[in-house]
Amino acid sequence: MSVAEFIHLDSYVIPYRMPIVYFFLLILYIVKKESDRWLDIKWKKRKGEIYLVLWFVVTGVMFIIEWFTSGYYLVPGRLIETLIWIIVAYAGAMVSIIVHHLINSETVISLLKLYLKERQRSELITVKPVHRKEGVE
C-alpha cells in the first residue's frame, strides 16, 4: 500500500487508521507468541526480523528516490507512523525475550535457590519454640 501511494498509483492514499490497526494486530500476535514462550509452548522457527529489515530497506530506498527526484515522489507519512508503531511493538517483544531468558538462566535460578536455602536456614535458627502452659489457651 505504501509503495502504491509512493508511486502515485491511482491516487491511492494509506487509510488514516491503518498504522494503529496494524499495531494492534501485531500486538495480538506478539502477546500470543510471548505467552506461549513463557508457558514453554514451542513454535516453529520463523524469521520475523527479515520482514522488519526489508520494510526498513524499502523505506530507505523510498527516501533516496524522494531525495533524487526533489520531492516528486514522497515517502508516505503513514508509512513512517506505521514503522514507529512496529518499532515499539518489536522493542516490547525484545524486552519480554530478554526477561524470559534472564529468569530461566541457570545463574539466576541457582542464585535464587541459594538465597531461598539461606533464608530458610536463617529462619530455622532464629525461630524459637513456643511453650504453652497447662490450662491456658
Foldseek 3Di string as FASTA:
>chain_A
DQVCCQVCPVVDADDPCVLVVVLVVLLVVLVVVLVCVLVVNDDDDDDPVVVLVVLVVVLVVSVVVCVVVVNPGDRHPSSVSNNVSVVVSVVVSVVSVVVSCVCPPPVNVVVVVVVVVVVVVVVVVPDDDDDDDPPDD
